[in-house]
């Protein structure tokens, strides 16, 4: 591979990443809005699951098909706390 080919490939890769992130379509607002909707939907589903006594972090992460750290962030933002690998109601609620 020549230097020119490598440069072309790297430029294509950067452009593709920028297009995926919305840099070329000016859709950052739309993307942020869909992100907020996804987060609020996850919080709603999390509250329903915790209400039906499904509280283990591992099980919730598998249910949502996301990482354990992400489900912890969602639980904290929904007002829950994590104790012994389980989602528990916060004292402040």
C-alpha atoms as a PDB file:
ATOM      1  CA  UNK A   1       0.000   0.000   0.000  1.00  0.00           C
ATOM      2  CA  UNK A   2       1.377   3.362  -0.946  1.00  0.00           C
ATOM      3  CA  UNK A   3       1.277   6.448   1.218  1.00  0.00           C
ATOM      4  CA  UNK A   4      -1.373   8.009  -1.012  1.00  0.00           C
ATOM      5  CA  UNK A   5      -3.640   4.966  -0.687  1.00  0.00           C
ATOM      6  CA  UNK A   6      -3.184   4.981   3.074  1.00  0.00           C
ATOM      7  CA  UNK A   7      -4.065   8.676   3.248  1.00  0.00           C
ATOM      8  CA  UNK A   8      -7.191   8.100   1.128  1.00  0.00           C
ATOM      9  CA  UNK A   9      -8.292   5.235   3.375  1.00  0.00           C
ATOM     10  CA  UNK A  10      -7.737   7.242   6.536  1.00  0.00           C
ATOM     11  CA  UNK A  11      -9.662  10.210   5.111  1.00  0.00           C
ATOM     12  CA  UNK A  12     -12.531   7.893   4.154  1.00  0.00           C
ATOM     13  CA  UNK A  13     -12.525   6.398   7.652  1.00  0.00           C
ATOM     14  CA  UNK A  14     -12.592   9.837   9.322  1.00  0.00           C
ATOM     15  CA  UNK A  15     -15.370  11.008   6.999  1.00  0.00           C
ATOM     16  CA  UNK A  16     -17.391   7.881   7.718  1.00  0.00           C
ATOM     17  CA  UNK A  17     -17.028   8.393  11.464  1.00  0.00           C
ATOM     18  CA  UNK A  18     -18.054  12.037  11.088  1.00  0.00           C
ATOM     19  CA  UNK A  19     -21.076  11.074   9.006  1.00  0.00           C
ATOM     20  CA  UNK A  20     -22.157   8.508  11.596  1.00  0.00           C
ATOM     21  CA  UNK A  21     -21.836  11.092  14.371  1.00  0.00           C
ATOM     22  CA  UNK A  22     -23.978  13.536  12.413  1.00  0.00           C
ATOM     23  CA  UNK A  23     -21.275  16.058  11.533  1.00  0.00           C
ATOM     24  CA  UNK A  24     -22.280  16.287   7.887  1.00  0.00           C
ATOM     25  CA  UNK A  25     -26.038  16.310   8.303  1.00  0.00           C
ATOM     26  CA  UNK A  26     -26.378  18.892  11.103  1.00  0.00           C
ATOM     27  CA  UNK A  27     -28.472  16.451  13.076  1.00  0.00           C
ATOM     28  CA  UNK A  28     -26.819  16.816  16.473  1.00  0.00           C
ATOM     29  CA  UNK A  29     -30.077  18.137  17.945  1.00  0.00           C
ATOM     30  CA  UNK A  30     -32.031  15.204  16.529  1.00  0.00           C
ATOM     31  CA  UNK A  31     -29.433  12.767  17.788  1.00  0.00           C
ATOM     32  CA  UNK A  32     -29.431  14.320  21.271  1.00  0.00           C
ATOM     33  CA  UNK A  33     -33.211  14.175  21.343  1.00  0.00           C
ATOM     34  CA  UNK A  34     -33.274  10.492  20.379  1.00  0.00           C
ATOM     35  CA  UNK A  35     -30.640   9.821  23.049  1.00  0.00           C
ATOM     36  CA  UNK A  36     -32.836  11.498  25.670  1.00  0.00           C
ATOM     37  CA  UNK A  37     -35.857   9.515  24.506  1.00  0.00           C
ATOM     38  CA  UNK A  38     -33.913   6.257  24.712  1.00  0.00           C
ATOM     39  CA  UNK A  39     -32.697   7.104  28.211  1.00  0.00           C
ATOM     40  CA  UNK A  40     -36.172   8.032  29.455  1.00  0.00           C
ATOM     41  CA  UNK A  41     -37.617   4.841  27.964  1.00  0.00           C
ATOM     42  CA  UNK A  42     -34.925   2.797  29.721  1.00  0.00           C
ATOM     43  CA  UNK A  43     -35.692   4.547  33.023  1.00  0.00           C
ATOM     44  CA  UNK A  44     -39.392   3.809  32.613  1.00  0.00           C
ATOM     45  CA  UNK A  45     -38.729   0.141  31.882  1.00  0.00           C
ATOM     46  CA  UNK A  46     -36.242  -0.048  34.762  1.00  0.00           C
ATOM     47  CA  UNK A  47     -38.826   1.328  37.199  1.00  0.00           C
ATOM     48  CA  UNK A  48     -41.370  -1.235  35.981  1.00  0.00           C
ATOM     49  CA  UNK A  49     -38.887  -4.089  36.384  1.00  0.00           C
ATOM     50  CA  UNK A  50     -37.794  -2.979  39.842  1.00  0.00           C
ATOM     51  CA  UNK A  51     -41.465  -2.645  40.771  1.00  0.00           C
ATOM     52  CA  UNK A  52     -41.990  -6.266  39.748  1.00  0.00           C
ATOM     53  CA  UNK A  53     -39.048  -7.297  41.984  1.00  0.00           C
ATOM     54  CA  UNK A  54     -36.394  -7.848  39.293  1.00  0.00           C
ATOM     55  CA  UNK A  55     -33.470  -6.063  40.897  1.00  0.00           C
ATOM     56  CA  UNK A  56     -30.222  -7.902  40.105  1.00  0.00           C
ATOM     57  CA  UNK A  57     -27.842  -5.737  38.091  1.00  0.00           C
ATOM     58  CA  UNK A  58     -26.657  -8.631  35.895  1.00  0.00           C
ATOM     59  CA  UNK A  59     -30.195  -9.668  35.007  1.00  0.00           C
ATOM     60  CA  UNK A  60     -31.214  -6.091  34.224  1.00  0.00           C
ATOM     61  CA  UNK A  61     -28.140  -5.578  32.037  1.00  0.00           C
ATOM     62  CA  UNK A  62     -28.971  -8.736  30.084  1.00  0.00           C
ATOM     63  CA  UNK A  63     -32.599  -7.657  29.758  1.00  0.00           C
ATOM     64  CA  UNK A  64     -31.622  -4.270  28.343  1.00  0.00           C
ATOM     65  CA  UNK A  65     -28.708  -5.800  26.377  1.00  0.00           C
ATOM     66  CA  UNK A  66     -26.327  -3.156  27.717  1.00  0.00           C
ATOM     67  CA  UNK A  67     -23.307  -3.232  29.987  1.00  0.00           C
ATOM     68  CA  UNK A  68     -23.524  -3.380  33.763  1.00  0.00           C
ATOM     69  CA  UNK A  69     -21.939   0.065  34.050  1.00  0.00           C
ATOM     70  CA  UNK A  70     -24.566   1.564  31.750  1.00  0.00           C
ATOM     71  CA  UNK A  71     -27.437   0.044  33.726  1.00  0.00           C
ATOM     72  CA  UNK A  72     -25.847   1.411  36.902  1.00  0.00           C
ATOM     73  CA  UNK A  73     -25.799   4.907  35.374  1.00  0.00           C
ATOM     74  CA  UNK A  74     -29.443   4.581  34.385  1.00  0.00           C
ATOM     75  CA  UNK A  75     -30.375   3.334  37.858  1.00  0.00           C
ATOM     76  CA  UNK A  76     -28.553   6.213  39.548  1.00  0.00           C
ATOM     77  CA  UNK A  77     -30.172   8.757  37.244  1.00  0.00           C
ATOM     78  CA  UNK A  78     -33.589   7.214  37.945  1.00  0.00           C
ATOM     79  CA  UNK A  79     -33.014   7.754  41.672  1.00  0.00           C
ATOM     80  CA  UNK A  80     -32.070   4.232  42.695  1.00  0.00           C
ATOM     81  CA  UNK A  81     -28.984   3.029  44.536  1.00  0.00           C
ATOM     82  CA  UNK A  82     -26.898  -0.110  44.020  1.00  0.00           C
ATOM     83  CA  UNK A  83     -26.231  -2.390  46.993  1.00  0.00           C
ATOM     84  CA  UNK A  84     -24.743  -5.892  46.801  1.00  0.00           C
ATOM     85  CA  UNK A  85     -25.336  -6.129  43.052  1.00  0.00           C
ATOM     86  CA  UNK A  86     -28.989  -5.179  43.352  1.00  0.00           C
ATOM     87  CA  UNK A  87     -30.972  -2.058  42.570  1.00  0.00           C
ATOM     88  CA  UNK A  88     -32.604  -0.704  45.711  1.00  0.00           C
ATOM     89  CA  UNK A  89     -34.865   2.232  46.441  1.00  0.00           C
ATOM     90  CA  UNK A  90     -33.028   5.333  47.504  1.00  0.00           C
ATOM     91  CA  UNK A  91     -33.706   6.594  51.028  1.00  0.00           C
ATOM     92  CA  UNK A  92     -34.323  10.068  49.625  1.00  0.00           C
ATOM     93  CA  UNK A  93     -37.268   8.927  47.449  1.00  0.00           C
END
